[in-house]
Amino acid sequence: MQGSGLTTYAHGILYEKTDNREQAIEAYKKTLQQEGESSYLYVKLGNVYLKDKQSKEAKRCFFRALKLNPKNAESLFGLGVAYLLEDNHKLAARYIEQGLSIEPDRHYARMMLCDILVAWRC
């Protein structure tokens, strides 16, 4: 990132850290416009949407990140959480499992998968 894109990105981080999600979303969107598409930035944006309980927008970002980088486990974990917010345990489990196939040492994701499977089966 160069120039104004880096500045805008830094603002997004600061907004996110101060729980100002609306401004963080706008800053990350602006960074994408200034710097071009980035799997990493789409994941950042998707995570802010998740914090704001906007699962539809979060999924859009995570799917875009996956299109740019199909081996991005964070996108898959994010999709799992987004589908969990929508009470779709089947898809939540599927995406968490796919993420674990890429990064099997993510113990938090493994625990989340256990929680999803128990809730789904009960």
Foldseek 3Di string as FASTA:
>chain_A
DDDPLVVLQVVLVVCVVVVVLVSNLVSLVVSCVVPPDELVSLLVNLVSCVVVLNLVSSLVSLVVSCVVPVLPLSSLQSNLSSVVSVVNLVSSLVSLVVSCVSVVPPVVSVVVSVVSVVVVVD
